[in-house]
Amino acid sequence: MSRALLVSTLILFGALTASALWHDGYLGIFAIAWQSFAGAQLFADLVIALVLVLIWLWHDARKIGRNPWPWLIATLATGGFGPLLYLLTRRSATPPL
């Protein structure tokens, strides 16, 4: 994946997250999940997607010799920031030719 795309996504997602935190607070981000079935469905979809990412991240980190725990904890604590930072700092298991 392109490093520029990852950095751009991280910056834009960070700006959106900072805006949401400023406007609604940390708990306010989760409040919408309990206001309607649509919010609950969106939250459940996010949880499923992040669990799949956590499983992939665990296997990928172990395969290339990285400790997966910091990335798993970062994902659980910050959501999408963990996998984005993992991908940004990931090096291939085999050296480039």
N, C-alpha and C. Protein backbone atom coordinates (compact mmCIF):
# COMPACT_ATOMS: atom_id res chain seq x y z
N MET A 1 0.85 -1.18 0.00
CA MET A 1 0.00 0.00 0.00
C MET A 1 0.89 1.24 0.00
N SER A 2 0.46 2.25 -0.71
CA SER A 2 1.24 3.47 -0.84
C SER A 2 1.39 4.18 0.50
N ARG A 3 2.63 4.53 0.82
CA ARG A 3 2.91 5.25 2.06
C ARG A 3 2.19 6.60 2.09
N ALA A 4 2.13 7.28 0.96
CA ALA A 4 1.45 8.58 0.88
C ALA A 4 -0.04 8.43 1.17
N LEU A 5 -0.64 7.36 0.67
CA LEU A 5 -2.06 7.10 0.94
C LEU A 5 -2.29 6.83 2.42
N LEU A 6 -1.41 6.05 3.03
CA LEU A 6 -1.53 5.77 4.46
C LEU A 6 -1.39 7.04 5.30
N VAL A 7 -0.40 7.87 4.97
CA VAL A 7 -0.18 9.12 5.71
C VAL A 7 -1.37 10.05 5.53
N SER A 8 -1.87 10.17 4.31
CA SER A 8 -3.03 11.02 4.05
C SER A 8 -4.26 10.54 4.82
N THR A 9 -4.48 9.23 4.81
CA THR A 9 -5.61 8.66 5.54
C THR A 9 -5.46 8.91 7.03
N LEU A 10 -4.28 8.72 7.55
CA LEU A 10 -4.02 8.93 8.97
C LEU A 10 -4.26 10.39 9.36
N ILE A 11 -3.82 11.33 8.54
CA ILE A 11 -4.01 12.75 8.82
C ILE A 11 -5.49 13.13 8.76
N LEU A 12 -6.18 12.70 7.70
CA LEU A 12 -7.60 13.04 7.57
C LEU A 12 -8.44 12.38 8.65
N PHE A 13 -8.16 11.11 8.95
CA PHE A 13 -8.88 10.41 9.99
C PHE A 13 -8.59 11.03 11.35
N GLY A 14 -7.35 11.46 11.56
CA GLY A 14 -6.99 12.13 12.81
C GLY A 14 -7.72 13.46 12.98
N ALA A 15 -7.85 14.21 11.89
CA ALA A 15 -8.58 15.48 11.94
C ALA A 15 -10.07 15.24 12.23
N LEU A 16 -10.64 14.23 11.59
CA LEU A 16 -12.05 13.91 11.83
C LEU A 16 -12.25 13.46 13.28
N THR A 17 -11.36 12.62 13.78
CA THR A 17 -11.45 12.14 15.16
C THR A 17 -11.29 13.29 16.14
N ALA A 18 -10.33 14.17 15.91
CA ALA A 18 -10.13 15.32 16.80
C ALA A 18 -11.37 16.21 16.81
N SER A 19 -11.97 16.41 15.66
CA SER A 19 -13.19 17.22 15.57
C SER A 19 -14.34 16.57 16.33
N ALA A 20 -14.49 15.26 16.17
CA ALA A 20 -15.56 14.54 16.88
C ALA A 20 -15.33 14.59 18.39
N LEU A 21 -14.09 14.41 18.81
CA LEU A 21 -13.79 14.48 20.24
C LEU A 21 -14.05 15.87 20.80
N TRP A 22 -13.67 16.90 20.05
CA TRP A 22 -13.88 18.28 20.47
C TRP A 22 -15.37 18.58 20.60
N HIS A 23 -16.12 18.13 19.63
CA HIS A 23 -17.55 18.44 19.59
C HIS A 23 -18.38 17.59 20.55
N ASP A 24 -18.11 16.28 20.61
CA ASP A 24 -18.97 15.35 21.35
C ASP A 24 -18.32 14.71 22.57
N GLY A 25 -17.01 14.82 22.71
CA GLY A 25 -16.32 14.16 23.82
C GLY A 25 -16.11 12.69 23.53
N TYR A 26 -15.30 12.04 24.37
CA TYR A 26 -14.96 10.64 24.13
C TYR A 26 -16.19 9.73 24.21
N LEU A 27 -17.00 9.90 25.25
CA LEU A 27 -18.18 9.05 25.39
C LEU A 27 -19.26 9.40 24.36
N GLY A 28 -19.27 10.64 23.91
CA GLY A 28 -20.24 11.06 22.91
C GLY A 28 -20.08 10.34 21.58
N ILE A 29 -18.86 9.91 21.29
CA ILE A 29 -18.63 9.17 20.05
C ILE A 29 -19.41 7.86 20.07
N PHE A 30 -19.52 7.26 21.24
CA PHE A 30 -20.22 5.98 21.36
C PHE A 30 -21.73 6.14 21.62
N ALA A 31 -22.16 7.32 21.98
CA ALA A 31 -23.57 7.53 22.35
C ALA A 31 -24.51 7.21 21.19
N ILE A 32 -24.13 7.52 19.98
CA ILE A 32 -25.01 7.28 18.83
C ILE A 32 -25.32 5.80 18.63
N ALA A 33 -24.41 4.94 19.08
CA ALA A 33 -24.63 3.50 18.93
C ALA A 33 -25.85 3.03 19.72
N TRP A 34 -26.22 3.76 20.74
CA TRP A 34 -27.32 3.33 21.60
C TRP A 34 -28.59 4.15 21.36
N GLN A 35 -28.59 5.03 20.38
CA GLN A 35 -29.76 5.87 20.12
C GLN A 35 -30.75 5.26 19.14
N SER A 36 -30.31 4.30 18.33
CA SER A 36 -31.20 3.69 17.35
C SER A 36 -30.64 2.33 16.94
N PHE A 37 -31.49 1.55 16.28
CA PHE A 37 -31.02 0.27 15.75
C PHE A 37 -29.98 0.48 14.66
N ALA A 38 -30.11 1.55 13.89
CA ALA A 38 -29.13 1.85 12.85
C ALA A 38 -27.76 2.14 13.47
N GLY A 39 -27.75 2.88 14.56
CA GLY A 39 -26.49 3.16 15.25
C GLY A 39 -25.88 1.91 15.83
N ALA A 40 -26.73 1.05 16.40
CA ALA A 40 -26.24 -0.22 16.96
C ALA A 40 -25.69 -1.12 15.87
N GLN A 41 -26.34 -1.13 14.71
CA GLN A 41 -25.86 -1.96 13.59
C GLN A 41 -24.51 -1.45 13.11
N LEU A 42 -24.37 -0.13 13.01
CA LEU A 42 -23.10 0.46 12.57
C LEU A 42 -21.98 0.14 13.57
N PHE A 43 -22.29 0.21 14.86
CA PHE A 43 -21.31 -0.11 15.88
C PHE A 43 -20.93 -1.59 15.80
N ALA A 44 -21.90 -2.48 15.64
CA ALA A 44 -21.62 -3.91 15.52
C ALA A 44 -20.75 -4.19 14.29
N ASP A 45 -21.03 -3.51 13.18
CA ASP A 45 -20.24 -3.67 11.97
C ASP A 45 -18.80 -3.24 12.22
N LEU A 46 -18.62 -2.14 12.93
CA LEU A 46 -17.27 -1.66 13.26
C LEU A 46 -16.54 -2.68 14.13
N VAL A 47 -17.22 -3.23 15.12
CA VAL A 47 -16.60 -4.23 15.99
C VAL A 47 -16.18 -5.46 15.20
N ILE A 48 -17.06 -5.95 14.31
CA ILE A 48 -16.73 -7.12 13.48
C ILE A 48 -15.51 -6.83 12.60
N ALA A 49 -15.51 -5.66 11.97
CA ALA A 49 -14.39 -5.30 11.09
C ALA A 49 -13.08 -5.22 11.87
N LEU A 50 -13.12 -4.60 13.06
CA LEU A 50 -11.89 -4.48 13.83
C LEU A 50 -11.42 -5.83 14.37
N VAL A 51 -12.34 -6.72 14.70
CA VAL A 51 -11.93 -8.07 15.13
C VAL A 51 -11.22 -8.78 13.99
N LEU A 52 -11.74 -8.66 12.78
CA LEU A 52 -11.08 -9.27 11.62
C LEU A 52 -9.70 -8.66 11.39
N VAL A 53 -9.59 -7.35 11.56
CA VAL A 53 -8.29 -6.68 11.42
C VAL A 53 -7.33 -7.15 12.50
N LEU A 54 -7.83 -7.32 13.73
CA LEU A 54 -6.98 -7.80 14.82
C LEU A 54 -6.44 -9.20 14.53
N ILE A 55 -7.28 -10.05 13.99
CA ILE A 55 -6.84 -11.41 13.65
C ILE A 55 -5.77 -11.36 12.56
N TRP A 56 -6.02 -10.57 11.52
CA TRP A 56 -5.02 -10.43 10.45
C TRP A 56 -3.72 -9.84 11.00
N LEU A 57 -3.84 -8.81 11.82
CA LEU A 57 -2.67 -8.13 12.36
C LEU A 57 -1.84 -9.09 13.21
N TRP A 58 -2.50 -9.89 14.03
CA TRP A 58 -1.81 -10.88 14.86
C TRP A 58 -0.97 -11.83 14.00
N HIS A 59 -1.61 -12.40 12.98
CA HIS A 59 -0.92 -13.37 12.12
C HIS A 59 0.19 -12.70 11.31
N ASP A 60 -0.08 -11.51 10.79
CA ASP A 60 0.92 -10.83 9.98
C ASP A 60 2.14 -10.44 10.81
N ALA A 61 1.90 -9.88 11.99
CA ALA A 61 3.03 -9.47 12.84
C ALA A 61 3.88 -10.66 13.24
N ARG A 62 3.24 -11.76 13.60
CA ARG A 62 4.00 -12.96 13.99
C ARG A 62 4.78 -13.52 12.79
N LYS A 63 4.18 -13.47 11.61
CA LYS A 63 4.83 -14.00 10.41
C LYS A 63 6.11 -13.23 10.07
N ILE A 64 6.10 -11.91 10.27
CA ILE A 64 7.28 -11.11 9.91
C ILE A 64 8.18 -10.81 11.12
N GLY A 65 7.89 -11.45 12.26
CA GLY A 65 8.77 -11.34 13.42
C GLY A 65 8.57 -10.11 14.28
N ARG A 66 7.39 -9.51 14.23
CA ARG A 66 7.10 -8.34 15.07
C ARG A 66 6.24 -8.77 16.26
N ASN A 67 6.36 -8.04 17.34
CA ASN A 67 5.52 -8.28 18.50
C ASN A 67 4.13 -7.70 18.21
N PRO A 68 3.08 -8.53 18.18
CA PRO A 68 1.75 -8.02 17.83
C PRO A 68 1.06 -7.26 18.96
N TRP A 69 1.49 -7.46 20.21
CA TRP A 69 0.75 -6.90 21.34
C TRP A 69 0.62 -5.38 21.33
N PRO A 70 1.66 -4.60 21.04
CA PRO A 70 1.47 -3.15 21.03
C PRO A 70 0.41 -2.72 20.01
N TRP A 71 0.36 -3.41 18.87
CA TRP A 71 -0.58 -3.05 17.82
C TRP A 71 -2.00 -3.48 18.18
N LEU A 72 -2.13 -4.62 18.84
CA LEU A 72 -3.45 -5.07 19.29
C LEU A 72 -4.00 -4.11 20.34
N ILE A 73 -3.16 -3.72 21.28
CA ILE A 73 -3.60 -2.79 22.33
C ILE A 73 -3.92 -1.42 21.73
N ALA A 74 -3.10 -0.96 20.79
CA ALA A 74 -3.36 0.33 20.14
C ALA A 74 -4.69 0.29 19.39
N THR A 75 -5.00 -0.83 18.74
CA THR A 75 -6.26 -0.94 18.00
C THR A 75 -7.44 -0.96 18.96
N LEU A 76 -7.32 -1.69 20.05
CA LEU A 76 -8.40 -1.72 21.03
C LEU A 76 -8.62 -0.36 21.69
N ALA A 77 -7.54 0.41 21.88
CA ALA A 77 -7.64 1.71 22.54
C ALA A 77 -8.04 2.84 21.59
N THR A 78 -7.60 2.74 20.32
CA THR A 78 -7.79 3.88 19.41
C THR A 78 -8.52 3.54 18.12
N GLY A 79 -8.99 2.30 18.00
CA GLY A 79 -9.70 1.93 16.78
C GLY A 79 -8.78 1.88 15.57
N GLY A 80 -9.16 2.55 14.52
CA GLY A 80 -8.46 2.49 13.25
C GLY A 80 -7.04 3.04 13.25
N PHE A 81 -6.67 3.81 14.28
CA PHE A 81 -5.31 4.34 14.32
C PHE A 81 -4.27 3.23 14.47
N GLY A 82 -4.59 2.19 15.24
CA GLY A 82 -3.65 1.08 15.44
C GLY A 82 -3.24 0.41 14.14
N PRO A 83 -4.22 -0.08 13.35
CA PRO A 83 -3.86 -0.72 12.08
C PRO A 83 -3.18 0.24 11.09
N LEU A 84 -3.62 1.49 11.06
CA LEU A 84 -2.99 2.45 10.15
C LEU A 84 -1.52 2.64 10.51
N LEU A 85 -1.23 2.80 11.79
CA LEU A 85 0.16 2.97 12.21
C LEU A 85 0.97 1.69 11.98
N TYR A 86 0.33 0.54 12.19
CA TYR A 86 1.01 -0.74 11.92
C TYR A 86 1.42 -0.81 10.46
N LEU A 87 0.50 -0.52 9.57
CA LEU A 87 0.80 -0.57 8.13
C LEU A 87 1.86 0.46 7.74
N LEU A 88 1.81 1.61 8.39
CA LEU A 88 2.77 2.67 8.09
C LEU A 88 4.19 2.27 8.50
N THR A 89 4.31 1.48 9.57
CA THR A 89 5.63 1.10 10.07
C THR A 89 6.03 -0.31 9.67
N ARG A 90 5.19 -1.00 8.92
CA ARG A 90 5.44 -2.39 8.54
C ARG A 90 6.55 -2.49 7.50
N ARG A 91 7.42 -3.46 7.72
CA ARG A 91 8.44 -3.79 6.73
C ARG A 91 8.16 -5.18 6.22
N SER A 92 8.48 -5.43 5.00
CA SER A 92 8.25 -6.74 4.38
C SER A 92 9.09 -7.81 5.06
N ALA A 93 8.59 -9.05 5.05
CA ALA A 93 9.32 -10.18 5.62
C ALA A 93 10.56 -10.49 4.79
N THR A 94 10.51 -10.22 3.51
CA THR A 94 11.66 -10.48 2.65
C THR A 94 12.22 -9.16 2.15
N PRO A 95 13.53 -9.04 2.10
CA PRO A 95 14.12 -7.80 1.61
C PRO A 95 13.81 -7.59 0.13
N PRO A 96 13.64 -6.32 -0.29
CA PRO A 96 13.37 -6.06 -1.71
C PRO A 96 14.57 -6.44 -2.57
N LEU A 97 14.30 -6.80 -3.80
CA LEU A 97 15.38 -7.19 -4.72
C LEU A 97 16.12 -6.00 -5.24
